PDB file of N, CA and C in Angstrom:
ATOM      1  N   MET A   1       0.740  -1.133  -0.017  1.00  0.00           N
ATOM      2  CA  MET A   1      -0.009   0.049  -0.050  1.00  0.00           C
ATOM      3  C   MET A   1       0.918   1.317  -0.130  1.00  0.00           C
ATOM      4  N   LYS A   2       1.981   1.062   0.671  1.00  0.00           N
ATOM      5  CA  LYS A   2       2.820   2.456   0.929  1.00  0.00           C
ATOM      6  C   LYS A   2       3.418   2.555  -0.517  1.00  0.00           C
ATOM      7  N   LYS A   3       3.982   1.632  -1.240  1.00  0.00           N
ATOM      8  CA  LYS A   3       4.544   1.684  -2.411  1.00  0.00           C
ATOM      9  C   LYS A   3       3.666   2.243  -3.575  1.00  0.00           C
ATOM     10  N   ILE A   4       2.288   1.817  -3.384  1.00  0.00           N
ATOM     11  CA  ILE A   4       1.339   2.427  -4.302  1.00  0.00           C
ATOM     12  C   ILE A   4       1.036   3.970  -4.112  1.00  0.00           C
ATOM     13  N   MET A   5       1.127   4.486  -2.815  1.00  0.00           N
ATOM     14  CA  MET A   5       0.748   5.623  -2.443  1.00  0.00           C
ATOM     15  C   MET A   5       2.102   6.579  -2.941  1.00  0.00           C
ATOM     16  N   LEU A   6       3.485   5.966  -2.733  1.00  0.00           N
ATOM     17  CA  LEU A   6       4.622   6.739  -3.177  1.00  0.00           C
ATOM     18  C   LEU A   6       4.777   6.771  -4.732  1.00  0.00           C
ATOM     19  N   VAL A   7       4.027   5.921  -5.393  1.00  0.00           N
ATOM     20  CA  VAL A   7       4.144   5.876  -6.774  1.00  0.00           C
ATOM     21  C   VAL A   7       3.078   7.007  -7.318  1.00  0.00           C
ATOM     22  N   MET A   8       1.923   7.023  -6.716  1.00  0.00           N
ATOM     23  CA  MET A   8       0.995   8.071  -7.065  1.00  0.00           C
ATOM     24  C   MET A   8       1.595   9.275  -6.599  1.00  0.00           C
ATOM     25  N   ILE A   9       2.326   9.536  -5.471  1.00  0.00           N
ATOM     26  CA  ILE A   9       2.596  10.925  -5.217  1.00  0.00           C
ATOM     27  C   ILE A   9       3.717  11.217  -6.133  1.00  0.00           C
ATOM     28  N   ALA A  10       4.639  10.505  -6.626  1.00  0.00           N
ATOM     29  CA  ALA A  10       5.688  10.749  -7.722  1.00  0.00           C
ATOM     30  C   ALA A  10       5.030  11.044  -8.902  1.00  0.00           C
ATOM     31  N   THR A  11       3.880  10.425  -9.415  1.00  0.00           N
ATOM     32  CA  THR A  11       3.266  10.487 -10.546  1.00  0.00           C
ATOM     33  C   THR A  11       2.754  12.162 -10.540  1.00  0.00           C
ATOM     34  N   VAL A  12       1.907  12.248  -9.442  1.00  0.00           N
ATOM     35  CA  VAL A  12       1.544  13.835  -9.322  1.00  0.00           C
ATOM     36  C   VAL A  12       2.487  14.858  -9.387  1.00  0.00           C
ATOM     37  N   MET A  13       3.518  14.591  -8.780  1.00  0.00           N
ATOM     38  CA  MET A  13       4.755  15.538  -8.700  1.00  0.00           C
ATOM     39  C   MET A  13       5.193  15.793 -10.170  1.00  0.00           C
ATOM     40  N   ILE A  14       5.597  14.633 -10.909  1.00  0.00           N
ATOM     41  CA  ILE A  14       6.024  14.743 -12.256  1.00  0.00           C
ATOM     42  C   ILE A  14       5.219  15.381 -13.104  1.00  0.00           C
ATOM     43  N   ALA A  15       3.867  15.129 -12.813  1.00  0.00           N
ATOM     44  CA  ALA A  15       2.722  15.913 -13.661  1.00  0.00           C
ATOM     45  C   ALA A  15       2.717  17.310 -13.417  1.00  0.00           C
ATOM     46  N   ALA A  16       2.881  17.637 -12.020  1.00  0.00           N
ATOM     47  CA  ALA A  16       2.754  19.116 -11.823  1.00  0.00           C
ATOM     48  C   ALA A  16       4.161  20.112 -12.384  1.00  0.00           C
ATOM     49  N   VAL A  17       5.241  19.136 -12.399  1.00  0.00           N
ATOM     50  CA  VAL A  17       6.541  19.728 -12.836  1.00  0.00           C
ATOM     51  C   VAL A  17       6.145  20.001 -14.403  1.00  0.00           C
ATOM     52  N   THR A  18       5.585  19.120 -15.015  1.00  0.00           N
ATOM     53  CA  THR A  18       5.429  19.149 -16.525  1.00  0.00           C
ATOM     54  C   THR A  18       4.513  20.111 -16.938  1.00  0.00           C
ATOM     55  N   VAL A  19       3.466  20.357 -16.218  1.00  0.00           N
ATOM     56  CA  VAL A  19       2.503  21.566 -16.297  1.00  0.00           C
ATOM     57  C   VAL A  19       3.015  22.786 -16.172  1.00  0.00           C
ATOM     58  N   ALA A  20       3.901  22.889 -15.218  1.00  0.00           N
ATOM     59  CA  ALA A  20       4.396  24.101 -14.855  1.00  0.00           C
ATOM     60  C   ALA A  20       5.329  24.447 -16.034  1.00  0.00           C
ATOM     61  N   GLN A  21       6.276  23.599 -16.293  1.00  0.00           N
ATOM     62  CA  GLN A  21       7.070  24.012 -17.449  1.00  0.00           C
ATOM     63  C   GLN A  21       6.530  24.361 -18.694  1.00  0.00           C
ATOM     64  N   GLU A  22       5.341  23.708 -19.089  1.00  0.00           N
ATOM     65  CA  GLU A  22       4.578  24.196 -20.311  1.00  0.00           C
ATOM     66  C   GLU A  22       4.135  25.345 -20.256  1.00  0.00           C
ATOM     67  N   ASN A  23       3.520  25.716 -18.967  1.00  0.00           N
ATOM     68  CA  ASN A  23       2.994  27.088 -18.701  1.00  0.00           C
ATOM     69  C   ASN A  23       4.058  28.071 -18.868  1.00  0.00           C
ATOM     70  N   LYS A  24       5.115  27.823 -18.409  1.00  0.00           N
ATOM     71  CA  LYS A  24       6.199  28.792 -18.560  1.00  0.00           C
ATOM     72  C   LYS A  24       6.755  29.164 -19.863  1.00  0.00           C
ATOM     73  N   ASP A  25       6.734  27.927 -20.528  1.00  0.00           N
ATOM     74  CA  ASP A  25       7.187  27.959 -22.121  1.00  0.00           C
ATOM     75  C   ASP A  25       6.125  28.724 -22.798  1.00  0.00           C
ATOM     76  N   TYR A  26       4.807  28.576 -22.510  1.00  0.00           N
ATOM     77  CA  TYR A  26       3.680  29.300 -23.054  1.00  0.00           C
ATOM     78  C   TYR A  26       3.817  30.761 -22.960  1.00  0.00           C
ATOM     79  N   LYS A  27       4.077  31.092 -21.792  1.00  0.00           N
ATOM     80  CA  LYS A  27       4.256  32.633 -21.292  1.00  0.00           C
ATOM     81  C   LYS A  27       5.527  33.315 -22.091  1.00  0.00           C
ATOM     82  N   LYS A  28       6.280  32.526 -22.098  1.00  0.00           N
ATOM     83  CA  LYS A  28       7.897  32.791 -22.756  1.00  0.00           C
ATOM     84  C   LYS A  28       7.397  33.092 -24.279  1.00  0.00           C
ATOM     85  N   ASP A  29       6.877  32.144 -24.960  1.00  0.00           N
ATOM     86  CA  ASP A  29       6.335  32.400 -26.197  1.00  0.00           C
ATOM     87  C   ASP A  29       5.392  33.303 -26.461  1.00  0.00           C
ATOM     88  N   ARG A  30       4.424  33.812 -25.806  1.00  0.00           N
ATOM     89  CA  ARG A  30       3.498  34.818 -25.622  1.00  0.00           C
ATOM     90  C   ARG A  30       4.196  36.035 -25.725  1.00  0.00           C
ATOM     91  N   THR A  31       5.135  36.241 -24.676  1.00  0.00           N
ATOM     92  CA  THR A  31       5.942  37.337 -24.305  1.00  0.00           C
ATOM     93  C   THR A  31       6.822  37.831 -25.590  1.00  0.00           C
ATOM     94  N   GLU A  32       7.291  36.717 -26.177  1.00  0.00           N
ATOM     95  CA  GLU A  32       8.202  36.823 -27.639  1.00  0.00           C
ATOM     96  C   GLU A  32       7.401  37.506 -28.685  1.00  0.00           C
ATOM     97  N   TRP A  33       6.195  36.715 -28.692  1.00  0.00           N
ATOM     98  CA  TRP A  33       5.188  37.143 -29.765  1.00  0.00           C
ATOM     99  C   TRP A  33       4.801  38.471 -29.722  1.00  0.00           C
ATOM    100  N   GLU A  34       4.420  39.017 -28.548  1.00  0.00           N
ATOM    101  CA  GLU A  34       4.058  40.345 -28.335  1.00  0.00           C
ATOM    102  C   GLU A  34       5.096  41.271 -28.488  1.00  0.00           C
ATOM    103  N   LYS A  35       6.213  40.961 -28.253  1.00  0.00           N
ATOM    104  CA  LYS A  35       7.404  41.930 -28.418  1.00  0.00           C
ATOM    105  C   LYS A  35       7.726  42.036 -29.955  1.00  0.00           C
ATOM    106  N   LYS A  36       7.436  40.872 -30.649  1.00  0.00           N
ATOM    107  CA  LYS A  36       7.539  40.904 -32.170  1.00  0.00           C
ATOM    108  C   LYS A  36       6.540  41.777 -32.768  1.00  0.00           C
ATOM    109  N   ILE A  37       5.185  41.502 -32.256  1.00  0.00           N
ATOM    110  CA  ILE A  37       4.203  42.471 -32.804  1.00  0.00           C
ATOM    111  C   ILE A  37       4.579  43.969 -32.617  1.00  0.00           C
ATOM    112  N   LYS A  38       5.024  44.432 -31.589  1.00  0.00           N
ATOM    113  CA  LYS A  38       5.337  45.644 -31.426  1.00  0.00           C
ATOM    114  C   LYS A  38       6.383  46.232 -32.026  1.00  0.00           C
ATOM    115  N   GLU A  39       7.483  45.383 -32.494  1.00  0.00           N
ATOM    116  CA  GLU A  39       8.479  45.837 -33.138  1.00  0.00           C
ATOM    117  C   GLU A  39       7.907  45.776 -34.635  1.00  0.00           C
ATOM    118  N   GLU A  40       7.499  44.984 -35.086  1.00  0.00           N
ATOM    119  CA  GLU A  40       6.897  44.923 -36.581  1.00  0.00           C
ATOM    120  C   GLU A  40       5.871  45.957 -36.908  1.00  0.00           C
ATOM    121  N   LEU A  41       5.157  46.300 -35.857  1.00  0.00           N
ATOM    122  CA  LEU A  41       4.108  47.399 -36.094  1.00  0.00           C
ATOM    123  C   LEU A  41       4.814  48.895 -35.876  1.00  0.00           C
ATOM    124  N   LYS A  42       6.012  48.875 -35.267  1.00  0.00           N
ATOM    125  CA  LYS A  42       6.736  50.014 -35.034  1.00  0.00           C
ATOM    126  C   LYS A  42       5.847  50.836 -34.074  1.00  0.00           C
ATOM    127  N   LEU A  43       5.348  50.329 -32.963  1.00  0.00           N
ATOM    128  CA  LEU A  43       4.646  50.971 -32.257  1.00  0.00           C
ATOM    129  C   LEU A  43       5.188  52.120 -31.471  1.00  0.00           C
ATOM    130  N   ASN A  44       4.651  53.177 -30.970  1.00  0.00           N
ATOM    131  CA  ASN A  44       5.388  54.205 -30.446  1.00  0.00           C
ATOM    132  C   ASN A  44       5.233  53.907 -28.930  1.00  0.00           C
ATOM    133  N   ASN A  45       5.878  54.727 -28.008  1.00  0.00           N
ATOM    134  CA  ASN A  45       5.818  54.459 -26.672  1.00  0.00           C
ATOM    135  C   ASN A  45       4.322  54.409 -26.190  1.00  0.00           C
ATOM    136  N   ASP A  46       3.548  55.305 -26.459  1.00  0.00           N
ATOM    137  CA  ASP A  46       2.110  55.477 -26.006  1.00  0.00           C
ATOM    138  C   ASP A  46       1.240  54.091 -26.508  1.00  0.00           C
ATOM    139  N   GLN A  47       1.486  53.777 -27.871  1.00  0.00           N
ATOM    140  CA  GLN A  47       0.841  52.707 -28.208  1.00  0.00           C
ATOM    141  C   GLN A  47       1.403  51.370 -27.699  1.00  0.00           C
ATOM    142  N   ALA A  48       2.548  51.421 -27.487  1.00  0.00           N
ATOM    143  CA  ALA A  48       3.116  50.107 -26.728  1.00  0.00           C
ATOM    144  C   ALA A  48       2.521  50.005 -25.535  1.00  0.00           C
ATOM    145  N   ILE A  49       2.427  50.954 -24.660  1.00  0.00           N
ATOM    146  CA  ILE A  49       1.875  50.836 -23.351  1.00  0.00           C
ATOM    147  C   ILE A  49       0.473  50.348 -23.428  1.00  0.00           C
ATOM    148  N   LYS A  50      -0.347  51.117 -24.380  1.00  0.00           N
ATOM    149  CA  LYS A  50      -1.805  50.733 -24.600  1.00  0.00           C
ATOM    150  C   LYS A  50      -1.858  49.129 -25.048  1.00  0.00           C
ATOM    151  N   TYR A  51      -1.053  48.794 -25.938  1.00  0.00           N
ATOM    152  CA  TYR A  51      -0.961  47.260 -26.507  1.00  0.00           C
ATOM    153  C   TYR A  51      -0.714  46.330 -25.191  1.00  0.00           C
ATOM    154  N   ASP A  52       0.187  46.649 -24.303  1.00  0.00           N
ATOM    155  CA  ASP A  52       0.438  46.009 -23.071  1.00  0.00           C
ATOM    156  C   ASP A  52      -0.665  45.552 -22.257  1.00  0.00           C
ATOM    157  N   ALA A  53      -1.229  46.741 -22.066  1.00  0.00           N
ATOM    158  CA  ALA A  53      -2.479  46.766 -21.143  1.00  0.00           C
ATOM    159  C   ALA A  53      -3.565  45.895 -21.800  1.00  0.00           C
ATOM    160  N   ILE A  54      -3.896  45.980 -23.002  1.00  0.00           N
ATOM    161  CA  ILE A  54      -4.897  45.429 -23.783  1.00  0.00           C
ATOM    162  C   ILE A  54      -4.605  44.013 -23.933  1.00  0.00           C
ATOM    163  N   SER A  55      -3.503  43.622 -24.082  1.00  0.00           N
ATOM    164  CA  SER A  55      -2.930  42.258 -24.347  1.00  0.00           C
ATOM    165  C   SER A  55      -2.924  41.557 -22.915  1.00  0.00           C
ATOM    166  N   LYS A  56      -2.508  42.298 -21.840  1.00  0.00           N
ATOM    167  CA  LYS A  56      -2.782  41.591 -20.624  1.00  0.00           C
ATOM    168  C   LYS A  56      -4.226  41.284 -20.228  1.00  0.00           C
ATOM    169  N   GLU A  57      -4.932  42.345 -20.324  1.00  0.00           N
ATOM    170  CA  GLU A  57      -6.441  41.948 -20.141  1.00  0.00           C
ATOM    171  C   GLU A  57      -7.050  40.856 -20.864  1.00  0.00           C
ATOM    172  N   TYR A  58      -6.716  40.827 -22.041  1.00  0.00           N
ATOM    173  CA  TYR A  58      -7.342  39.677 -23.040  1.00  0.00           C
ATOM    174  C   TYR A  58      -6.683  38.384 -22.676  1.00  0.00           C
ATOM    175  N   ASN A  59      -5.345  38.454 -22.230  1.00  0.00           N
ATOM    176  CA  ASN A  59      -4.681  37.206 -22.097  1.00  0.00           C
ATOM    177  C   ASN A  59      -5.346  36.584 -20.828  1.00  0.00           C
ATOM    178  N   ASP A  60      -5.410  37.413 -19.804  1.00  0.00           N
ATOM    179  CA  ASP A  60      -6.267  37.095 -18.465  1.00  0.00           C
ATOM    180  C   ASP A  60      -7.576  36.350 -18.907  1.00  0.00           C
ATOM    181  N   LYS A  61      -8.435  36.961 -19.761  1.00  0.00           N
ATOM    182  CA  LYS A  61      -9.642  36.653 -20.012  1.00  0.00           C
ATOM    183  C   LYS A  61      -9.674  35.215 -20.835  1.00  0.00           C
ATOM    184  N   ILE A  62      -8.705  35.311 -21.718  1.00  0.00           N
ATOM    185  CA  ILE A  62      -8.656  34.007 -22.556  1.00  0.00           C
ATOM    186  C   ILE A  62      -8.231  32.812 -21.616  1.00  0.00           C
ATOM    187  N   GLU A  63      -7.278  33.052 -20.628  1.00  0.00           N
ATOM    188  CA  GLU A  63      -6.801  32.125 -19.803  1.00  0.00           C
ATOM    189  C   GLU A  63      -7.950  31.587 -18.947  1.00  0.00           C
ATOM    190  N   ALA A  64      -8.983  32.365 -18.502  1.00  0.00           N
ATOM    191  CA  ALA A  64     -10.057  32.219 -17.512  1.00  0.00           C
ATOM    192  C   ALA A  64     -10.921  31.345 -18.466  1.00  0.00           C
ATOM    193  N   VAL A  65     -11.193  31.380 -19.669  1.00  0.00           N
ATOM    194  CA  VAL A  65     -12.004  30.750 -20.443  1.00  0.00           C
ATOM    195  C   VAL A  65     -11.314  29.331 -20.642  1.00  0.00           C
ATOM    196  N   THR A  66     -10.049  29.197 -20.792  1.00  0.00           N
ATOM    197  CA  THR A  66      -9.286  27.940 -20.971  1.00  0.00           C
ATOM    198  C   THR A  66      -9.489  27.088 -19.773  1.00  0.00           C
ATOM    199  N   GLN A  67      -9.398  27.843 -18.573  1.00  0.00           N
ATOM    200  CA  GLN A  67      -9.387  26.974 -17.302  1.00  0.00           C
ATOM    201  C   GLN A  67     -10.598  26.460 -17.020  1.00  0.00           C
ATOM    202  N   ASP A  68     -11.653  27.149 -17.515  1.00  0.00           N
ATOM    203  CA  ASP A  68     -13.010  26.713 -17.153  1.00  0.00           C
ATOM    204  C   ASP A  68     -13.633  25.339 -17.537  1.00  0.00           C
ATOM    205  N   ALA A  69     -13.554  24.427 -16.628  1.00  0.00           N
ATOM    206  CA  ALA A  69     -13.813  23.113 -17.001  1.00  0.00           C
ATOM    207  C   ALA A  69     -15.089  22.664 -17.227  1.00  0.00           C
ATOM    208  N   GLY A  70     -15.980  23.623 -16.978  1.00  0.00           N
ATOM    209  CA  GLY A  70     -17.510  23.667 -17.392  1.00  0.00           C
ATOM    210  C   GLY A  70     -17.709  23.868 -18.747  1.00  0.00           C
ATOM    211  N   LEU A  71     -16.638  24.222 -19.571  1.00  0.00           N
ATOM    212  CA  LEU A  71     -17.006  24.457 -20.779  1.00  0.00           C
ATOM    213  C   LEU A  71     -16.307  23.491 -21.755  1.00  0.00           C
ATOM    214  N   ASN A  72     -17.191  23.066 -22.775  1.00  0.00           N
ATOM    215  CA  ASN A  72     -16.429  22.058 -23.705  1.00  0.00           C
ATOM    216  C   ASN A  72     -15.496  22.715 -24.767  1.00  0.00           C
ATOM    217  N   LYS A  73     -14.808  22.086 -25.503  1.00  0.00           N
ATOM    218  CA  LYS A  73     -13.739  22.648 -26.204  1.00  0.00           C
ATOM    219  C   LYS A  73     -14.356  23.549 -27.237  1.00  0.00           C
ATOM    220  N   ASP A  74     -15.530  23.068 -27.719  1.00  0.00           N
ATOM    221  CA  ASP A  74     -16.007  23.999 -28.939  1.00  0.00           C
ATOM    222  C   ASP A  74     -16.598  25.346 -28.296  1.00  0.00           C
ATOM    223  N   VAL A  75     -17.214  25.286 -27.228  1.00  0.00           N
ATOM    224  CA  VAL A  75     -17.555  26.606 -26.639  1.00  0.00           C
ATOM    225  C   VAL A  75     -16.399  27.501 -26.152  1.00  0.00           C
ATOM    226  N   GLN A  76     -15.262  26.788 -25.811  1.00  0.00           N
ATOM    227  CA  GLN A  76     -14.183  27.577 -25.256  1.00  0.00           C
ATOM    228  C   GLN A  76     -13.616  28.016 -26.605  1.00  0.00           C
ATOM    229  N   LYS A  77     -13.467  27.441 -27.642  1.00  0.00           N
ATOM    230  CA  LYS A  77     -12.927  28.094 -28.926  1.00  0.00           C
ATOM    231  C   LYS A  77     -13.890  29.114 -29.397  1.00  0.00           C
ATOM    232  N   GLU A  78     -14.978  29.071 -29.384  1.00  0.00           N
ATOM    233  CA  GLU A  78     -15.947  30.190 -29.645  1.00  0.00           C
ATOM    234  C   GLU A  78     -15.796  31.356 -28.730  1.00  0.00           C
ATOM    235  N   ARG A  79     -15.645  31.178 -27.369  1.00  0.00           N
ATOM    236  CA  ARG A  79     -15.468  32.314 -26.768  1.00  0.00           C
ATOM    237  C   ARG A  79     -14.133  33.077 -26.694  1.00  0.00           C
ATOM    238  N   LYS A  80     -13.183  32.160 -26.917  1.00  0.00           N
ATOM    239  CA  LYS A  80     -11.704  32.756 -27.175  1.00  0.00           C
ATOM    240  C   LYS A  80     -11.691  33.536 -28.554  1.00  0.00           C
ATOM    241  N   MET A  81     -12.410  32.923 -29.634  1.00  0.00           N
ATOM    242  CA  MET A  81     -12.361  33.818 -30.903  1.00  0.00           C
ATOM    243  C   MET A  81     -13.141  35.157 -30.778  1.00  0.00           C
ATOM    244  N   ALA A  82     -14.288  35.051 -29.883  1.00  0.00           N
ATOM    245  CA  ALA A  82     -14.837  36.457 -29.685  1.00  0.00           C
ATOM    246  C   ALA A  82     -14.072  37.401 -28.860  1.00  0.00           C
ATOM    247  N   LEU A  83     -13.302  36.898 -27.957  1.00  0.00           N
ATOM    248  CA  LEU A  83     -12.411  37.573 -27.184  1.00  0.00           C
ATOM    249  C   LEU A  83     -11.346  38.201 -28.237  1.00  0.00           C
ATOM    250  N   LYS A  84     -10.721  37.525 -29.056  1.00  0.00           N
ATOM    251  CA  LYS A  84      -9.639  37.808 -29.906  1.00  0.00           C
ATOM    252  C   LYS A  84     -10.328  38.969 -30.795  1.00  0.00           C
ATOM    253  N   LYS A  85     -11.279  38.726 -31.050  1.00  0.00           N
ATOM    254  CA  LYS A  85     -12.020  39.923 -32.201  1.00  0.00           C
ATOM    255  C   LYS A  85     -12.223  41.243 -31.288  1.00  0.00           C
ATOM    256  N   GLU A  86     -12.784  40.974 -30.129  1.00  0.00           N
ATOM    257  CA  GLU A  86     -12.699  42.208 -29.285  1.00  0.00           C
ATOM    258  C   GLU A  86     -11.397  42.931 -28.964  1.00  0.00           C
ATOM    259  N   LYS A  87     -10.498  42.113 -28.554  1.00  0.00           N
ATOM    260  CA  LYS A  87      -9.123  42.702 -28.566  1.00  0.00           C
ATOM    261  C   LYS A  87      -8.669  43.509 -29.810  1.00  0.00           C
ATOM    262  N   GLU A  88      -8.929  42.797 -30.959  1.00  0.00           N
ATOM    263  CA  GLU A  88      -8.516  43.588 -32.230  1.00  0.00           C
ATOM    264  C   GLU A  88      -9.194  44.770 -32.366  1.00  0.00           C
ATOM    265  N   ILE A  89     -10.565  44.896 -32.069  1.00  0.00           N
ATOM    266  CA  ILE A  89     -11.390  46.119 -31.923  1.00  0.00           C
ATOM    267  C   ILE A  89     -10.687  47.098 -31.312  1.00  0.00           C
ATOM    268  N   LYS A  90     -10.168  46.877 -30.043  1.00  0.00           N
ATOM    269  CA  LYS A  90      -9.519  47.932 -29.221  1.00  0.00           C
ATOM    270  C   LYS A  90      -8.209  48.322 -29.468  1.00  0.00           C
ATOM    271  N   LEU A  91      -7.374  47.382 -30.136  1.00  0.00           N
ATOM    272  CA  LEU A  91      -6.115  47.673 -30.647  1.00  0.00           C
ATOM    273  C   LEU A  91      -6.387  48.621 -31.820  1.00  0.00           C
ATOM    274  N   PHE A  92      -7.161  48.361 -32.805  1.00  0.00           N
ATOM    275  CA  PHE A  92      -7.346  49.282 -33.901  1.00  0.00           C
ATOM    276  C   PHE A  92      -7.871  50.688 -33.477  1.00  0.00           C
ATOM    277  N   GLU A  93      -8.195  50.875 -32.394  1.00  0.00           N
ATOM    278  CA  GLU A  93      -8.802  52.258 -31.848  1.00  0.00           C
ATOM    279  C   GLU A  93      -7.495  53.291 -31.887  1.00  0.00           C
ATOM    280  N   PHE A  94      -6.328  52.574 -31.690  1.00  0.00           N
ATOM    281  CA  PHE A  94      -5.024  53.366 -31.587  1.00  0.00           C
ATOM    282  C   PHE A  94      -3.962  53.078 -32.670  1.00  0.00           C
ATOM    283  N   PHE A  95      -4.164  51.928 -33.367  1.00  0.00           N
ATOM    284  CA  PHE A  95      -3.366  51.709 -34.522  1.00  0.00           C
ATOM    285  C   PHE A  95      -3.570  52.653 -35.695  1.00  0.00           C
ATOM    286  N   THR A  96      -2.469  52.822 -36.445  1.00  0.00           N
ATOM    287  CA  THR A  96      -2.770  53.711 -37.567  1.00  0.00           C
ATOM    288  C   THR A  96      -3.333  52.622 -38.741  1.00  0.00           C
ATOM    289  N   PRO A  97      -3.999  53.255 -39.904  1.00  0.00           N
ATOM    290  CA  PRO A  97      -4.516  52.393 -40.717  1.00  0.00           C
ATOM    291  C   PRO A  97      -3.354  51.312 -41.410  1.00  0.00           C
ATOM    292  N   GLU A  98      -2.074  51.840 -41.331  1.00  0.00           N
ATOM    293  CA  GLU A  98      -1.135  51.138 -41.919  1.00  0.00           C
ATOM    294  C   GLU A  98      -0.608  49.893 -40.883  1.00  0.00           C
ATOM    295  N   GLN A  99      -0.699  50.378 -39.632  1.00  0.00           N
ATOM    296  CA  GLN A  99      -0.600  49.337 -38.642  1.00  0.00           C
ATOM    297  C   GLN A  99      -1.692  48.477 -38.486  1.00  0.00           C
ATOM    298  N   GLN A 100      -3.038  48.739 -38.769  1.00  0.00           N
ATOM    299  CA  GLN A 100      -4.108  47.590 -38.854  1.00  0.00           C
ATOM    300  C   GLN A 100      -3.758  46.727 -40.060  1.00  0.00           C
ATOM    301  N   VAL A 101      -3.447  47.267 -41.177  1.00  0.00           N
ATOM    302  CA  VAL A 101      -3.186  46.269 -42.359  1.00  0.00           C
ATOM    303  C   VAL A 101      -2.017  45.185 -42.078  1.00  0.00           C
ATOM    304  N   LYS A 102      -1.169  45.786 -41.451  1.00  0.00           N
ATOM    305  CA  LYS A 102       0.302  45.034 -41.099  1.00  0.00           C
ATOM    306  C   LYS A 102      -0.200  43.962 -40.181  1.00  0.00           C
ATOM    307  N   TYR A 103      -0.953  44.480 -38.985  1.00  0.00           N
ATOM    308  CA  TYR A 103      -1.450  43.564 -37.967  1.00  0.00           C
ATOM    309  C   TYR A 103      -2.222  42.359 -38.594  1.00  0.00           C
ATOM    310  N   ARG A 104      -3.170  42.694 -39.333  1.00  0.00           N
ATOM    311  CA  ARG A 104      -4.031  41.595 -40.122  1.00  0.00           C
ATOM    312  C   ARG A 104      -3.164  40.762 -40.833  1.00  0.00           C
ATOM    313  N   GLU A 105      -2.179  41.020 -41.629  1.00  0.00           N
ATOM    314  CA  GLU A 105      -1.218  40.288 -42.522  1.00  0.00           C
ATOM    315  C   GLU A 105      -0.541  39.371 -41.454  1.00  0.00           C
ATOM    316  N   ILE A 106       0.003  39.797 -40.269  1.00  0.00           N
ATOM    317  CA  ILE A 106       0.870  39.082 -39.196  1.00  0.00           C
ATOM    318  C   ILE A 106       0.097  37.995 -38.829  1.00  0.00           C
ATOM    319  N   MET A 107      -1.392  38.419 -38.497  1.00  0.00           N
ATOM    320  CA  MET A 107      -2.283  37.467 -37.810  1.00  0.00           C
ATOM    321  C   MET A 107      -2.780  36.223 -38.740  1.00  0.00           C
ATOM    322  N   GLU A 108      -2.901  36.698 -40.002  1.00  0.00           N
ATOM    323  CA  GLU A 108      -3.299  35.649 -40.989  1.00  0.00           C
ATOM    324  C   GLU A 108      -2.069  34.710 -41.260  1.00  0.00           C
ATOM    325  N   LYS A 109      -1.103  35.283 -41.292  1.00  0.00           N
ATOM    326  CA  LYS A 109       0.290  34.502 -41.458  1.00  0.00           C
ATOM    327  C   LYS A 109       0.386  33.504 -40.413  1.00  0.00           C
ATOM    328  N   LYS A 110       0.235  33.879 -39.100  1.00  0.00           N
ATOM    329  CA  LYS A 110       0.237  33.086 -37.926  1.00  0.00           C
ATOM    330  C   LYS A 110      -0.931  32.059 -37.961  1.00  0.00           C
ATOM    331  N   LYS A 111      -2.108  32.349 -38.291  1.00  0.00           N
ATOM    332  CA  LYS A 111      -3.120  31.550 -38.545  1.00  0.00           C
ATOM    333  C   LYS A 111      -2.838  30.386 -39.353  1.00  0.00           C
ATOM    334  N   LYS A 112      -2.125  30.651 -40.628  1.00  0.00           N
ATOM    335  CA  LYS A 112      -1.781  29.622 -41.633  1.00  0.00           C
ATOM    336  C   LYS A 112      -0.658  28.750 -40.994  1.00  0.00           C
ATOM    337  N   GLU A 113       0.143  29.169 -40.378  1.00  0.00           N
ATOM    338  CA  GLU A 113       1.452  28.639 -39.716  1.00  0.00           C
ATOM    339  C   GLU A 113       0.615  27.680 -38.629  1.00  0.00           C
ATOM    340  N   MET A 114      -0.330  27.968 -37.849  1.00  0.00           N
ATOM    341  CA  MET A 114      -0.860  27.057 -36.934  1.00  0.00           C
ATOM    342  C   MET A 114      -1.646  26.064 -37.470  1.00  0.00           C
ATOM    343  N   SER A 115      -2.515  26.188 -38.624  1.00  0.00           N
ATOM    344  CA  SER A 115      -3.263  25.382 -39.049  1.00  0.00           C
ATOM    345  C   SER A 115      -2.318  24.232 -39.897  1.00  0.00           C
ATOM    346  N   ASN A 116      -1.185  24.565 -40.291  1.00  0.00           N
ATOM    347  CA  ASN A 116      -0.155  23.684 -40.798  1.00  0.00           C
ATOM    348  C   ASN A 116       0.540  22.822 -39.895  1.00  0.00           C
ATOM    349  N   LYS A 117       0.515  23.286 -38.731  1.00  0.00           N
ATOM    350  CA  LYS A 117       1.218  22.655 -37.478  1.00  0.00           C
ATOM    351  C   LYS A 117       0.653  21.190 -37.016  1.00  0.00           C
ATOM    352  N   PRO A 118       1.434  20.121 -36.968  1.00  0.00           N
ATOM    353  CA  PRO A 118       0.907  18.900 -36.470  1.00  0.00           C
ATOM    354  C   PRO A 118       0.363  19.082 -35.131  1.00  0.00           C
ATOM    355  N   ALA A 119      -0.795  18.296 -35.010  1.00  0.00           N
ATOM    356  CA  ALA A 119      -1.301  18.458 -33.693  1.00  0.00           C
ATOM    357  C   ALA A 119      -0.344  17.509 -32.587  1.00  0.00           C
ATOM    358  N   SER A 120      -0.208  18.211 -31.390  1.00  0.00           N
ATOM    359  CA  SER A 120       0.731  17.483 -30.520  1.00  0.00           C
ATOM    360  C   SER A 120       0.039  16.642 -29.627  1.00  0.00           C
TER     361      SER A 120
END
């Protein structure tokens, strides 16, 4: 019985470390992505501050949807897409028309890359 408990505890600990690492990697990737967007759009200081605030707000909202175990995957996907559209509307309030076009191009390229990526 003790051996079974030790194996179970070890398994839980390994799983927790794995999840923590994946979360760390995801946050690092997201930070790098947001930096890339700000650089490619050539945001000025005021725009960058607004971009960071809106990104944090919507990243938190999207994370809450992802963590909501009461929602099935289709509903989660639908809600996340709606939040991404809301985010874009808010960003476009202070992006120049040129930045809006460039942002859409970047997002379309990323969407294509993600759809070509094999499922993990």
